[in-house]
Every structure is written in C-alpha cells, then in structure tokens.
Amino acid sequence: MMFIPTQLSGVTVIDVEPIADDRGHFARWYCEEEFARHGLKPLAAQGAISRNLKRGTLRGLHFIEAYQGEEKLVRCVAGAVFDVAVDLRPYSPSFKGWTAIELTAKNHRALYLPRGCAHGFLTLTDHADVAYQFSEAHRPGIEIGVRWDDPEIGVVWPFAPETISERDRTLPFLKTIWLQSDTMTMEQQ
C-alpha cells in the first residue's frame, strides 16, 4: 500500500499496490500494522456500505463531535464518486480546509479521515457503492453535519447534485456551529 498525505492534516489517500498475473490481481487494501506505521488509527470496529442508484446523488457533509468522533476509511467498490473531506478541527493547521479525490471501483483508492473531519461525496456514475470502515461502532444520534454548499468552506463540486436528502439539504452552515478544540456542538437556537 502507498500512503499519500493530503493538504489536510491527517487525511491520507491510500493506493493499493496490486500483484498481477494472468488471472487478474491481488492487493491488500487494509493492514493494521502498516496503518499504525503511518500514524493512522486501527479501523476494525465496524464496516458499512452506501448504495447510490443515480449519478448526481450527494451525501454529506457529515461528522461527529470530535471527542466522540471516529476515524474512517472510505472507498468506492462500484461506480465512481467525488469524495470530500473537510477539516473541522479548530486546533488543526488545516482548519476549514477541504480536499477531494475521485474514488472509483477501477482505481481502488481509499481516503482515510481522522476524527473531527466532515465527509461527503457526489456520485459520478449510476450504481455507485461506497464502502466504509470505522474505528468505532455506530452510536445513533451523535452525527451532525454542515451544508455541502457552505461558502465558508467553499468545496468546488464537479457539478450540482440532482438527488439530495431533505436532511442533508437543510444541514446548518458552519457559522451556526460552535466548534471547540475538543468538542463540536450545535449552538442553541
């Protein structure tokens, strides 16, 4: 595996190194020891998959309060997505920065996000499946989010989404979220 740092502190692109022969290829896409050698936390608590039927489906930008947060590894196992990470850690040198990468079933790339980073994606194809690996088990009710089109963050999406949930469409702007160095909580309205 190759570990490629992004401009966001701790956010890392992971490329596989396939070993090919006449049958196809074999490649490791996760190894706890290699992740640890690169300063990345283990991701063995839970896995999930997001099936997206239509091109132009947007999910995100979601995150969990930093003190309850989770590391995650995201990869596209069918189709293609424009995958986005946003640094919402006030103590980070890349606070409010964002990075994006095209994840596809063909390129086998993955994106590692540390605690305190928001995540979202826009599907570039019909039938795009996104697989997740998490450092923590799901805990209902603690995930929050920020608007995908928040001008304070300024993500440049490749095109406007065509399908977006009501929940994601009505997420708050960053200026209405109170960020602390060790917590992220919604301000009381």
N, C-alpha and C. Protein backbone atom coordinates (compact mmCIF):
# COMPACT_ATOMS: atom_id res chain seq x y z
N MET A 1 0.84 -1.17 0.00
CA MET A 1 0.00 0.00 0.00
C MET A 1 0.88 1.24 0.00
N MET A 2 0.39 2.27 -0.64
CA MET A 2 1.07 3.56 -0.63
C MET A 2 0.19 4.55 0.13
N PHE A 3 0.80 5.32 1.02
CA PHE A 3 0.11 6.29 1.86
C PHE A 3 0.52 7.68 1.39
N ILE A 4 -0.45 8.45 0.90
CA ILE A 4 -0.18 9.75 0.30
C ILE A 4 -0.88 10.83 1.13
N PRO A 5 -0.11 11.67 1.85
CA PRO A 5 -0.74 12.73 2.64
C PRO A 5 -1.43 13.75 1.73
N THR A 6 -2.51 14.33 2.23
CA THR A 6 -3.19 15.42 1.52
C THR A 6 -2.82 16.73 2.20
N GLN A 7 -3.37 17.84 1.73
CA GLN A 7 -3.09 19.13 2.36
C GLN A 7 -3.80 19.27 3.70
N LEU A 8 -4.71 18.34 4.05
CA LEU A 8 -5.39 18.37 5.34
C LEU A 8 -4.64 17.48 6.33
N SER A 9 -4.35 17.99 7.48
CA SER A 9 -3.60 17.26 8.49
C SER A 9 -4.26 15.92 8.82
N GLY A 10 -3.55 14.83 8.59
CA GLY A 10 -4.04 13.50 8.92
C GLY A 10 -4.91 12.83 7.87
N VAL A 11 -5.44 13.58 6.92
CA VAL A 11 -6.27 13.00 5.86
C VAL A 11 -5.30 12.41 4.83
N THR A 12 -5.47 11.12 4.53
CA THR A 12 -4.50 10.38 3.74
C THR A 12 -5.18 9.59 2.63
N VAL A 13 -4.61 9.64 1.43
CA VAL A 13 -5.05 8.80 0.32
C VAL A 13 -4.26 7.50 0.41
N ILE A 14 -4.96 6.38 0.24
CA ILE A 14 -4.31 5.08 0.27
C ILE A 14 -4.51 4.41 -1.08
N ASP A 15 -3.39 4.12 -1.74
CA ASP A 15 -3.41 3.40 -3.01
C ASP A 15 -2.95 1.97 -2.77
N VAL A 16 -3.56 1.06 -3.46
CA VAL A 16 -3.14 -0.34 -3.38
C VAL A 16 -1.99 -0.56 -4.35
N GLU A 17 -1.23 -1.60 -4.10
CA GLU A 17 -0.15 -2.00 -4.98
C GLU A 17 -0.44 -3.42 -5.44
N PRO A 18 -1.18 -3.56 -6.56
CA PRO A 18 -1.61 -4.88 -6.99
C PRO A 18 -0.45 -5.75 -7.49
N ILE A 19 -0.58 -7.03 -7.19
CA ILE A 19 0.32 -8.04 -7.74
C ILE A 19 -0.51 -8.76 -8.79
N ALA A 20 -0.09 -8.62 -10.05
CA ALA A 20 -0.91 -9.11 -11.17
C ALA A 20 -0.31 -10.37 -11.79
N ASP A 21 -1.20 -11.18 -12.33
CA ASP A 21 -0.81 -12.31 -13.16
C ASP A 21 -1.93 -12.55 -14.17
N ASP A 22 -1.92 -13.67 -14.85
CA ASP A 22 -2.90 -13.91 -15.91
C ASP A 22 -4.32 -14.09 -15.39
N ARG A 23 -4.51 -14.25 -14.09
CA ARG A 23 -5.85 -14.37 -13.51
C ARG A 23 -6.47 -13.02 -13.19
N GLY A 24 -5.62 -12.00 -13.02
CA GLY A 24 -6.08 -10.68 -12.57
C GLY A 24 -5.04 -10.11 -11.63
N HIS A 25 -5.48 -9.65 -10.46
CA HIS A 25 -4.52 -9.17 -9.48
C HIS A 25 -5.03 -9.38 -8.06
N PHE A 26 -4.11 -9.23 -7.12
CA PHE A 26 -4.41 -9.31 -5.70
C PHE A 26 -3.73 -8.11 -5.05
N ALA A 27 -4.44 -7.45 -4.13
CA ALA A 27 -3.86 -6.30 -3.45
C ALA A 27 -4.46 -6.18 -2.06
N ARG A 28 -3.62 -5.86 -1.08
CA ARG A 28 -4.13 -5.57 0.26
C ARG A 28 -4.67 -4.15 0.26
N TRP A 29 -5.83 -3.95 0.88
CA TRP A 29 -6.37 -2.59 0.97
C TRP A 29 -6.43 -2.11 2.41
N TYR A 30 -6.09 -3.00 3.37
CA TYR A 30 -6.03 -2.59 4.76
C TYR A 30 -5.07 -3.51 5.50
N CYS A 31 -4.22 -2.93 6.32
CA CYS A 31 -3.32 -3.68 7.18
C CYS A 31 -3.09 -2.83 8.43
N GLU A 32 -3.56 -3.32 9.56
CA GLU A 32 -3.47 -2.55 10.80
C GLU A 32 -2.03 -2.14 11.11
N GLU A 33 -1.07 -3.04 10.90
CA GLU A 33 0.33 -2.72 11.19
C GLU A 33 0.86 -1.61 10.29
N GLU A 34 0.55 -1.67 8.99
CA GLU A 34 1.01 -0.62 8.07
C GLU A 34 0.35 0.71 8.39
N PHE A 35 -0.94 0.68 8.70
CA PHE A 35 -1.63 1.91 9.07
C PHE A 35 -0.95 2.53 10.30
N ALA A 36 -0.67 1.72 11.31
CA ALA A 36 -0.03 2.22 12.53
C ALA A 36 1.35 2.81 12.22
N ARG A 37 2.10 2.18 11.33
CA ARG A 37 3.43 2.72 10.97
C ARG A 37 3.32 4.10 10.32
N HIS A 38 2.17 4.39 9.72
CA HIS A 38 1.95 5.69 9.09
C HIS A 38 1.14 6.64 9.99
N GLY A 39 0.97 6.26 11.26
CA GLY A 39 0.29 7.12 12.23
C GLY A 39 -1.22 7.12 12.12
N LEU A 40 -1.80 6.12 11.44
CA LEU A 40 -3.25 6.05 11.27
C LEU A 40 -3.82 5.06 12.27
N LYS A 41 -4.98 5.39 12.83
CA LYS A 41 -5.62 4.56 13.86
C LYS A 41 -6.23 3.30 13.24
N PRO A 42 -6.34 2.23 14.05
CA PRO A 42 -6.97 0.99 13.56
C PRO A 42 -8.45 1.22 13.22
N LEU A 43 -8.95 0.45 12.28
CA LEU A 43 -10.32 0.63 11.78
C LEU A 43 -11.07 -0.70 11.78
N ALA A 44 -11.17 -1.34 12.92
CA ALA A 44 -11.74 -2.67 12.96
C ALA A 44 -13.11 -2.76 13.61
N ALA A 45 -13.69 -1.67 14.07
CA ALA A 45 -14.93 -1.74 14.85
C ALA A 45 -16.17 -2.04 14.01
N GLN A 46 -16.24 -1.47 12.80
CA GLN A 46 -17.47 -1.63 12.03
C GLN A 46 -17.23 -1.30 10.57
N GLY A 47 -18.02 -1.93 9.70
CA GLY A 47 -18.00 -1.62 8.28
C GLY A 47 -19.42 -1.35 7.81
N ALA A 48 -19.55 -0.61 6.71
CA ALA A 48 -20.88 -0.29 6.17
C ALA A 48 -20.74 -0.04 4.68
N ILE A 49 -21.87 -0.06 3.99
CA ILE A 49 -21.88 0.24 2.56
C ILE A 49 -23.04 1.17 2.25
N SER A 50 -22.80 2.10 1.35
CA SER A 50 -23.82 3.04 0.91
C SER A 50 -24.08 2.78 -0.57
N ARG A 51 -25.28 2.35 -0.90
CA ARG A 51 -25.65 2.12 -2.30
C ARG A 51 -26.34 3.37 -2.81
N ASN A 52 -25.93 3.83 -3.98
CA ASN A 52 -26.44 5.05 -4.58
C ASN A 52 -26.85 4.75 -6.01
N LEU A 53 -28.12 4.89 -6.31
CA LEU A 53 -28.65 4.42 -7.58
C LEU A 53 -28.39 5.37 -8.74
N LYS A 54 -28.38 6.68 -8.47
CA LYS A 54 -28.32 7.65 -9.56
C LYS A 54 -27.07 8.51 -9.52
N ARG A 55 -26.54 8.82 -10.70
CA ARG A 55 -25.47 9.81 -10.84
C ARG A 55 -26.01 11.14 -10.30
N GLY A 56 -25.18 11.90 -9.62
CA GLY A 56 -25.61 13.18 -9.08
C GLY A 56 -26.20 13.11 -7.70
N THR A 57 -26.07 11.96 -7.01
CA THR A 57 -26.54 11.84 -5.64
C THR A 57 -25.47 12.39 -4.71
N LEU A 58 -25.88 13.28 -3.80
CA LEU A 58 -24.96 13.86 -2.83
C LEU A 58 -25.31 13.37 -1.44
N ARG A 59 -24.29 12.97 -0.70
CA ARG A 59 -24.44 12.62 0.72
C ARG A 59 -23.41 13.42 1.50
N GLY A 60 -23.85 14.09 2.58
CA GLY A 60 -22.91 14.82 3.43
C GLY A 60 -23.21 16.30 3.45
N LEU A 61 -22.42 16.96 4.13
CA LEU A 61 -21.14 16.68 4.77
C LEU A 61 -21.42 16.32 6.25
N HIS A 62 -21.09 15.11 6.65
CA HIS A 62 -21.41 14.60 7.98
C HIS A 62 -20.16 14.51 8.84
N PHE A 63 -20.35 14.70 10.15
CA PHE A 63 -19.27 14.49 11.10
C PHE A 63 -19.85 14.21 12.48
N ILE A 64 -18.98 13.77 13.37
CA ILE A 64 -19.34 13.50 14.76
C ILE A 64 -18.48 14.41 15.63
N GLU A 65 -19.04 14.85 16.74
CA GLU A 65 -18.29 15.70 17.66
C GLU A 65 -16.92 15.08 17.91
N ALA A 66 -15.89 15.91 17.92
CA ALA A 66 -14.50 15.43 17.98
C ALA A 66 -14.25 14.48 19.14
N TYR A 67 -14.76 14.79 20.33
CA TYR A 67 -14.47 13.95 21.48
C TYR A 67 -15.17 12.59 21.40
N GLN A 68 -16.20 12.47 20.57
CA GLN A 68 -16.88 11.20 20.36
C GLN A 68 -16.56 10.62 18.99
N GLY A 69 -15.73 11.30 18.24
CA GLY A 69 -15.52 11.02 16.83
C GLY A 69 -14.99 9.65 16.51
N GLU A 70 -14.74 9.47 15.23
CA GLU A 70 -14.27 8.20 14.72
C GLU A 70 -13.37 8.45 13.51
N GLU A 71 -12.41 7.58 13.36
CA GLU A 71 -11.63 7.57 12.14
C GLU A 71 -12.41 6.73 11.14
N LYS A 72 -12.26 7.04 9.85
CA LYS A 72 -12.94 6.22 8.86
C LYS A 72 -12.10 6.09 7.60
N LEU A 73 -12.30 4.99 6.92
CA LEU A 73 -11.67 4.72 5.64
C LEU A 73 -12.79 4.53 4.65
N VAL A 74 -12.74 5.28 3.54
CA VAL A 74 -13.82 5.28 2.56
C VAL A 74 -13.26 4.83 1.21
N ARG A 75 -13.97 3.94 0.54
CA ARG A 75 -13.57 3.51 -0.80
C ARG A 75 -14.80 3.23 -1.63
N CYS A 76 -14.69 3.38 -2.94
CA CYS A 76 -15.79 3.11 -3.86
C CYS A 76 -15.58 1.71 -4.43
N VAL A 77 -16.58 0.85 -4.26
CA VAL A 77 -16.44 -0.53 -4.73
C VAL A 77 -17.25 -0.82 -5.99
N ALA A 78 -18.08 0.14 -6.40
CA ALA A 78 -18.81 0.05 -7.68
C ALA A 78 -19.04 1.48 -8.16
N GLY A 79 -18.80 1.73 -9.44
CA GLY A 79 -19.01 3.06 -9.99
C GLY A 79 -17.90 4.03 -9.60
N ALA A 80 -18.28 5.31 -9.41
CA ALA A 80 -17.31 6.35 -9.11
C ALA A 80 -17.96 7.47 -8.31
N VAL A 81 -17.17 8.07 -7.40
CA VAL A 81 -17.64 9.20 -6.60
C VAL A 81 -16.56 10.27 -6.51
N PHE A 82 -17.01 11.50 -6.31
CA PHE A 82 -16.15 12.64 -5.96
C PHE A 82 -16.23 12.72 -4.45
N ASP A 83 -15.18 12.31 -3.76
CA ASP A 83 -15.19 12.16 -2.31
C ASP A 83 -14.51 13.36 -1.65
N VAL A 84 -15.13 13.90 -0.60
CA VAL A 84 -14.68 15.15 0.01
C VAL A 84 -14.46 14.97 1.51
N ALA A 85 -13.33 15.52 2.00
CA ALA A 85 -13.06 15.62 3.43
C ALA A 85 -12.90 17.10 3.77
N VAL A 86 -13.49 17.51 4.91
CA VAL A 86 -13.38 18.89 5.38
C VAL A 86 -12.84 18.85 6.81
N ASP A 87 -11.79 19.60 7.07
CA ASP A 87 -11.19 19.65 8.40
C ASP A 87 -11.97 20.61 9.28
N LEU A 88 -12.66 20.08 10.29
CA LEU A 88 -13.43 20.90 11.22
C LEU A 88 -12.84 20.87 12.63
N ARG A 89 -11.53 20.67 12.71
CA ARG A 89 -10.82 20.66 13.99
C ARG A 89 -10.18 22.05 14.18
N PRO A 90 -10.73 22.88 15.10
CA PRO A 90 -10.22 24.24 15.27
C PRO A 90 -8.73 24.31 15.60
N TYR A 91 -8.18 23.30 16.20
CA TYR A 91 -6.77 23.26 16.58
C TYR A 91 -5.87 22.82 15.42
N SER A 92 -6.44 22.42 14.32
CA SER A 92 -5.67 21.89 13.19
C SER A 92 -5.10 23.00 12.32
N PRO A 93 -3.90 22.82 11.79
CA PRO A 93 -3.36 23.83 10.88
C PRO A 93 -4.14 23.92 9.56
N SER A 94 -4.94 22.90 9.27
CA SER A 94 -5.74 22.94 8.03
C SER A 94 -7.23 23.16 8.30
N PHE A 95 -7.56 23.77 9.47
CA PHE A 95 -8.95 24.04 9.85
C PHE A 95 -9.71 24.75 8.73
N LYS A 96 -10.89 24.27 8.43
CA LYS A 96 -11.81 24.75 7.39
C LYS A 96 -11.32 24.44 5.97
N GLY A 97 -10.21 23.74 5.86
CA GLY A 97 -9.74 23.33 4.54
C GLY A 97 -10.50 22.10 4.07
N TRP A 98 -10.46 21.87 2.76
CA TRP A 98 -11.11 20.68 2.21
C TRP A 98 -10.20 20.08 1.14
N THR A 99 -10.42 18.81 0.91
CA THR A 99 -9.73 18.10 -0.16
C THR A 99 -10.73 17.14 -0.79
N ALA A 100 -10.50 16.83 -2.05
CA ALA A 100 -11.38 15.91 -2.75
C ALA A 100 -10.55 14.97 -3.61
N ILE A 101 -11.09 13.79 -3.80
CA ILE A 101 -10.42 12.78 -4.61
C ILE A 101 -11.49 11.96 -5.33
N GLU A 102 -11.19 11.54 -6.52
CA GLU A 102 -12.11 10.66 -7.23
C GLU A 102 -11.81 9.23 -6.81
N LEU A 103 -12.79 8.60 -6.20
CA LEU A 103 -12.68 7.20 -5.83
C LEU A 103 -13.51 6.40 -6.82
N THR A 104 -12.92 5.35 -7.37
CA THR A 104 -13.64 4.52 -8.34
C THR A 104 -13.38 3.04 -8.04
N ALA A 105 -14.26 2.21 -8.55
CA ALA A 105 -14.05 0.77 -8.42
C ALA A 105 -12.80 0.35 -9.19
N LYS A 106 -12.43 1.10 -10.21
CA LYS A 106 -11.25 0.74 -11.01
C LYS A 106 -9.94 1.19 -10.39
N ASN A 107 -9.91 2.37 -9.76
CA ASN A 107 -8.63 2.85 -9.22
C ASN A 107 -8.32 2.31 -7.82
N HIS A 108 -9.29 1.71 -7.14
CA HIS A 108 -9.10 1.06 -5.83
C HIS A 108 -8.56 1.98 -4.75
N ARG A 109 -8.62 3.29 -4.98
CA ARG A 109 -8.11 4.23 -3.97
C ARG A 109 -9.06 4.29 -2.78
N ALA A 110 -8.52 4.74 -1.67
CA ALA A 110 -9.32 4.95 -0.46
C ALA A 110 -8.89 6.27 0.16
N LEU A 111 -9.78 6.84 0.98
CA LEU A 111 -9.48 8.07 1.70
C LEU A 111 -9.67 7.80 3.18
N TYR A 112 -8.62 8.11 3.97
CA TYR A 112 -8.65 7.97 5.42
C TYR A 112 -8.94 9.33 6.03
N LEU A 113 -9.94 9.39 6.92
CA LEU A 113 -10.31 10.63 7.59
C LEU A 113 -10.15 10.47 9.10
N PRO A 114 -9.37 11.34 9.75
CA PRO A 114 -9.25 11.29 11.20
C PRO A 114 -10.48 11.90 11.87
N ARG A 115 -10.56 11.74 13.18
CA ARG A 115 -11.65 12.35 13.97
C ARG A 115 -11.73 13.84 13.69
N GLY A 116 -12.95 14.37 13.68
CA GLY A 116 -13.14 15.81 13.53
C GLY A 116 -13.20 16.29 12.09
N CYS A 117 -13.12 15.39 11.14
CA CYS A 117 -13.25 15.77 9.73
C CYS A 117 -14.64 15.38 9.22
N ALA A 118 -15.25 16.30 8.49
CA ALA A 118 -16.54 16.00 7.87
C ALA A 118 -16.29 15.26 6.57
N HIS A 119 -17.28 14.47 6.16
CA HIS A 119 -17.15 13.68 4.94
C HIS A 119 -18.43 13.77 4.12
N GLY A 120 -18.26 13.77 2.81
CA GLY A 120 -19.39 13.72 1.89
C GLY A 120 -18.91 13.28 0.53
N PHE A 121 -19.87 12.95 -0.33
CA PHE A 121 -19.49 12.58 -1.69
C PHE A 121 -20.63 12.87 -2.65
N LEU A 122 -20.26 12.98 -3.93
CA LEU A 122 -21.20 13.16 -5.03
C LEU A 122 -20.94 12.01 -6.00
N THR A 123 -22.00 11.28 -6.36
CA THR A 123 -21.80 10.16 -7.28
C THR A 123 -21.57 10.66 -8.70
N LEU A 124 -20.58 10.08 -9.36
CA LEU A 124 -20.23 10.44 -10.72
C LEU A 124 -20.83 9.46 -11.73
N THR A 125 -21.37 8.36 -11.23
CA THR A 125 -21.98 7.34 -12.08
C THR A 125 -23.27 6.83 -11.43
N ASP A 126 -24.11 6.21 -12.20
CA ASP A 126 -25.21 5.44 -11.63
C ASP A 126 -24.61 4.24 -10.90
N HIS A 127 -25.35 3.72 -9.95
CA HIS A 127 -24.96 2.50 -9.23
C HIS A 127 -23.56 2.60 -8.63
N ALA A 128 -23.37 3.61 -7.80
CA ALA A 128 -22.10 3.80 -7.10
C ALA A 128 -22.25 3.31 -5.66
N ASP A 129 -21.41 2.37 -5.28
CA ASP A 129 -21.41 1.83 -3.92
C ASP A 129 -20.16 2.30 -3.19
N VAL A 130 -20.35 2.84 -1.99
CA VAL A 130 -19.25 3.34 -1.19
C VAL A 130 -19.16 2.48 0.07
N ALA A 131 -17.98 1.92 0.31
CA ALA A 131 -17.74 1.07 1.48
C ALA A 131 -16.97 1.87 2.53
N TYR A 132 -17.37 1.70 3.78
CA TYR A 132 -16.76 2.40 4.91
C TYR A 132 -16.19 1.38 5.90
N GLN A 133 -15.11 1.77 6.53
CA GLN A 133 -14.56 1.03 7.65
C GLN A 133 -14.37 2.06 8.76
N PHE A 134 -14.85 1.75 9.98
CA PHE A 134 -14.87 2.71 11.08
C PHE A 134 -14.05 2.22 12.27
N SER A 135 -13.51 3.16 13.02
CA SER A 135 -12.78 2.83 14.25
C SER A 135 -13.72 2.62 15.43
N GLU A 136 -14.96 3.07 15.31
CA GLU A 136 -15.94 2.96 16.40
C GLU A 136 -17.24 2.38 15.85
N ALA A 137 -17.99 1.67 16.69
CA ALA A 137 -19.30 1.16 16.30
C ALA A 137 -20.28 2.33 16.20
N HIS A 138 -21.32 2.15 15.40
CA HIS A 138 -22.34 3.18 15.22
C HIS A 138 -23.02 3.50 16.55
N ARG A 139 -23.19 4.80 16.81
CA ARG A 139 -23.86 5.29 18.01
C ARG A 139 -24.93 6.27 17.55
N PRO A 140 -26.18 5.83 17.49
CA PRO A 140 -27.25 6.68 16.96
C PRO A 140 -27.36 8.02 17.68
N GLY A 141 -27.66 9.06 16.90
CA GLY A 141 -27.98 10.36 17.46
C GLY A 141 -26.81 11.30 17.69
N ILE A 142 -25.57 10.89 17.39
CA ILE A 142 -24.45 11.80 17.65
C ILE A 142 -23.88 12.42 16.38
N GLU A 143 -24.28 11.94 15.22
CA GLU A 143 -23.76 12.53 13.98
C GLU A 143 -24.47 13.85 13.67
N ILE A 144 -23.68 14.83 13.27
CA ILE A 144 -24.24 16.11 12.83
C ILE A 144 -23.64 16.40 11.46
N GLY A 145 -23.86 17.58 10.96
CA GLY A 145 -23.31 17.89 9.65
C GLY A 145 -23.29 19.37 9.37
N VAL A 146 -22.72 19.69 8.23
CA VAL A 146 -22.64 21.06 7.75
C VAL A 146 -23.03 21.04 6.27
N ARG A 147 -23.60 22.14 5.80
CA ARG A 147 -24.10 22.23 4.42
C ARG A 147 -23.02 21.93 3.40
N TRP A 148 -23.39 21.17 2.39
CA TRP A 148 -22.48 20.78 1.31
C TRP A 148 -22.03 21.99 0.49
N ASP A 149 -22.86 23.03 0.47
CA ASP A 149 -22.57 24.23 -0.33
C ASP A 149 -22.22 25.44 0.53
N ASP A 150 -21.71 25.20 1.73
CA ASP A 150 -21.35 26.28 2.65
C ASP A 150 -20.24 27.13 2.03
N PRO A 151 -20.49 28.44 1.82
CA PRO A 151 -19.47 29.29 1.19
C PRO A 151 -18.24 29.50 2.07
N GLU A 152 -18.37 29.32 3.38
CA GLU A 152 -17.21 29.46 4.27
C GLU A 152 -16.19 28.34 4.04
N ILE A 153 -16.69 27.18 3.61
CA ILE A 153 -15.81 26.05 3.29
C ILE A 153 -15.41 26.11 1.82
N GLY A 154 -16.38 26.30 0.94
CA GLY A 154 -16.10 26.52 -0.47
C GLY A 154 -15.71 25.31 -1.29
N VAL A 155 -16.28 24.15 -0.97
CA VAL A 155 -15.99 22.97 -1.79
C VAL A 155 -16.41 23.25 -3.23
N VAL A 156 -15.56 22.93 -4.17
CA VAL A 156 -15.86 23.07 -5.59
C VAL A 156 -16.27 21.69 -6.11
N TRP A 157 -17.57 21.46 -6.18
CA TRP A 157 -18.10 20.19 -6.65
C TRP A 157 -18.05 20.16 -8.18
N PRO A 158 -17.91 19.00 -8.79
CA PRO A 158 -17.79 18.95 -10.26
C PRO A 158 -19.06 19.35 -10.99
N PHE A 159 -20.22 19.21 -10.34
CA PHE A 159 -21.50 19.65 -10.88
C PHE A 159 -22.51 19.69 -9.74
N ALA A 160 -23.63 20.34 -9.97
CA ALA A 160 -24.66 20.45 -8.93
C ALA A 160 -25.33 19.10 -8.69
N PRO A 161 -25.58 18.76 -7.44
CA PRO A 161 -26.27 17.50 -7.16
C PRO A 161 -27.69 17.50 -7.70
N GLU A 162 -28.15 16.32 -8.07
CA GLU A 162 -29.52 16.16 -8.55
C GLU A 162 -30.40 15.48 -7.51
N THR A 163 -29.79 14.66 -6.65
CA THR A 163 -30.52 13.96 -5.60
C THR A 163 -29.81 14.21 -4.28
N ILE A 164 -30.57 14.77 -3.34
CA ILE A 164 -30.02 15.06 -2.01
C ILE A 164 -31.15 14.92 -1.00
N SER A 165 -30.89 14.29 0.12
CA SER A 165 -31.94 14.09 1.12
C SER A 165 -32.35 15.42 1.74
N GLU A 166 -33.55 15.45 2.28
CA GLU A 166 -34.02 16.65 2.98
C GLU A 166 -33.09 16.97 4.15
N ARG A 167 -32.66 15.94 4.86
CA ARG A 167 -31.75 16.14 6.00
C ARG A 167 -30.47 16.84 5.54
N ASP A 168 -29.84 16.35 4.47
CA ASP A 168 -28.59 16.94 4.01
C ASP A 168 -28.82 18.33 3.40
N ARG A 169 -29.95 18.52 2.75
CA ARG A 169 -30.27 19.81 2.14
C ARG A 169 -30.44 20.90 3.19
N THR A 170 -30.85 20.52 4.41
CA THR A 170 -31.14 21.51 5.45
C THR A 170 -30.12 21.51 6.59
N LEU A 171 -28.95 20.89 6.38
CA LEU A 171 -27.90 20.95 7.39
C LEU A 171 -27.50 22.42 7.61
N PRO A 172 -27.00 22.75 8.80
CA PRO A 172 -26.65 24.15 9.08
C PRO A 172 -25.36 24.58 8.38
N PHE A 173 -25.19 25.90 8.27
CA PHE A 173 -23.94 26.46 7.79
C PHE A 173 -22.94 26.44 8.94
N LEU A 174 -21.66 26.41 8.61
CA LEU A 174 -20.60 26.35 9.60
C LEU A 174 -20.68 27.49 10.61
N LYS A 175 -21.07 28.67 10.16
CA LYS A 175 -21.11 29.82 11.08
C LYS A 175 -22.13 29.63 12.21
N THR A 176 -23.06 28.68 12.09
CA THR A 176 -24.04 28.43 13.16
C THR A 176 -23.64 27.26 14.04
N ILE A 177 -22.45 26.71 13.81
CA ILE A 177 -21.97 25.58 14.61
C ILE A 177 -20.84 26.07 15.50
N TRP A 178 -20.91 25.74 16.76
CA TRP A 178 -19.89 26.15 17.71
C TRP A 178 -18.83 25.07 17.76
N LEU A 179 -17.60 25.42 17.40
CA LEU A 179 -16.50 24.48 17.38
C LEU A 179 -15.54 24.80 18.51
N GLN A 180 -15.23 23.79 19.31
CA GLN A 180 -14.23 23.93 20.37
C GLN A 180 -13.07 23.00 20.05
N SER A 181 -11.98 23.15 20.76
CA SER A 181 -10.81 22.34 20.47
C SER A 181 -11.05 20.86 20.73
N ASP A 182 -11.91 20.52 21.69
CA ASP A 182 -12.12 19.11 21.96
C ASP A 182 -13.57 18.66 21.77
N THR A 183 -14.46 19.58 21.37
CA THR A 183 -15.84 19.22 21.11
C THR A 183 -16.37 20.01 19.94
N MET A 184 -17.42 19.51 19.34
CA MET A 184 -18.15 20.21 18.29
C MET A 184 -19.63 20.04 18.63
N THR A 185 -20.30 21.12 19.00
CA THR A 185 -21.70 21.01 19.35
C THR A 185 -22.50 22.10 18.66
N MET A 186 -23.75 21.83 18.45
CA MET A 186 -24.63 22.81 17.82
C MET A 186 -24.97 23.89 18.83
N GLU A 187 -24.95 25.15 18.40
CA GLU A 187 -25.38 26.23 19.28
C GLU A 187 -26.88 26.11 19.50
N GLN A 188 -27.32 26.51 20.67
CA GLN A 188 -28.75 26.51 20.93
C GLN A 188 -29.39 27.66 20.16
N GLN A 189 -30.48 27.37 19.48
CA GLN A 189 -31.15 28.38 18.64
C GLN A 189 -32.25 29.04 19.43
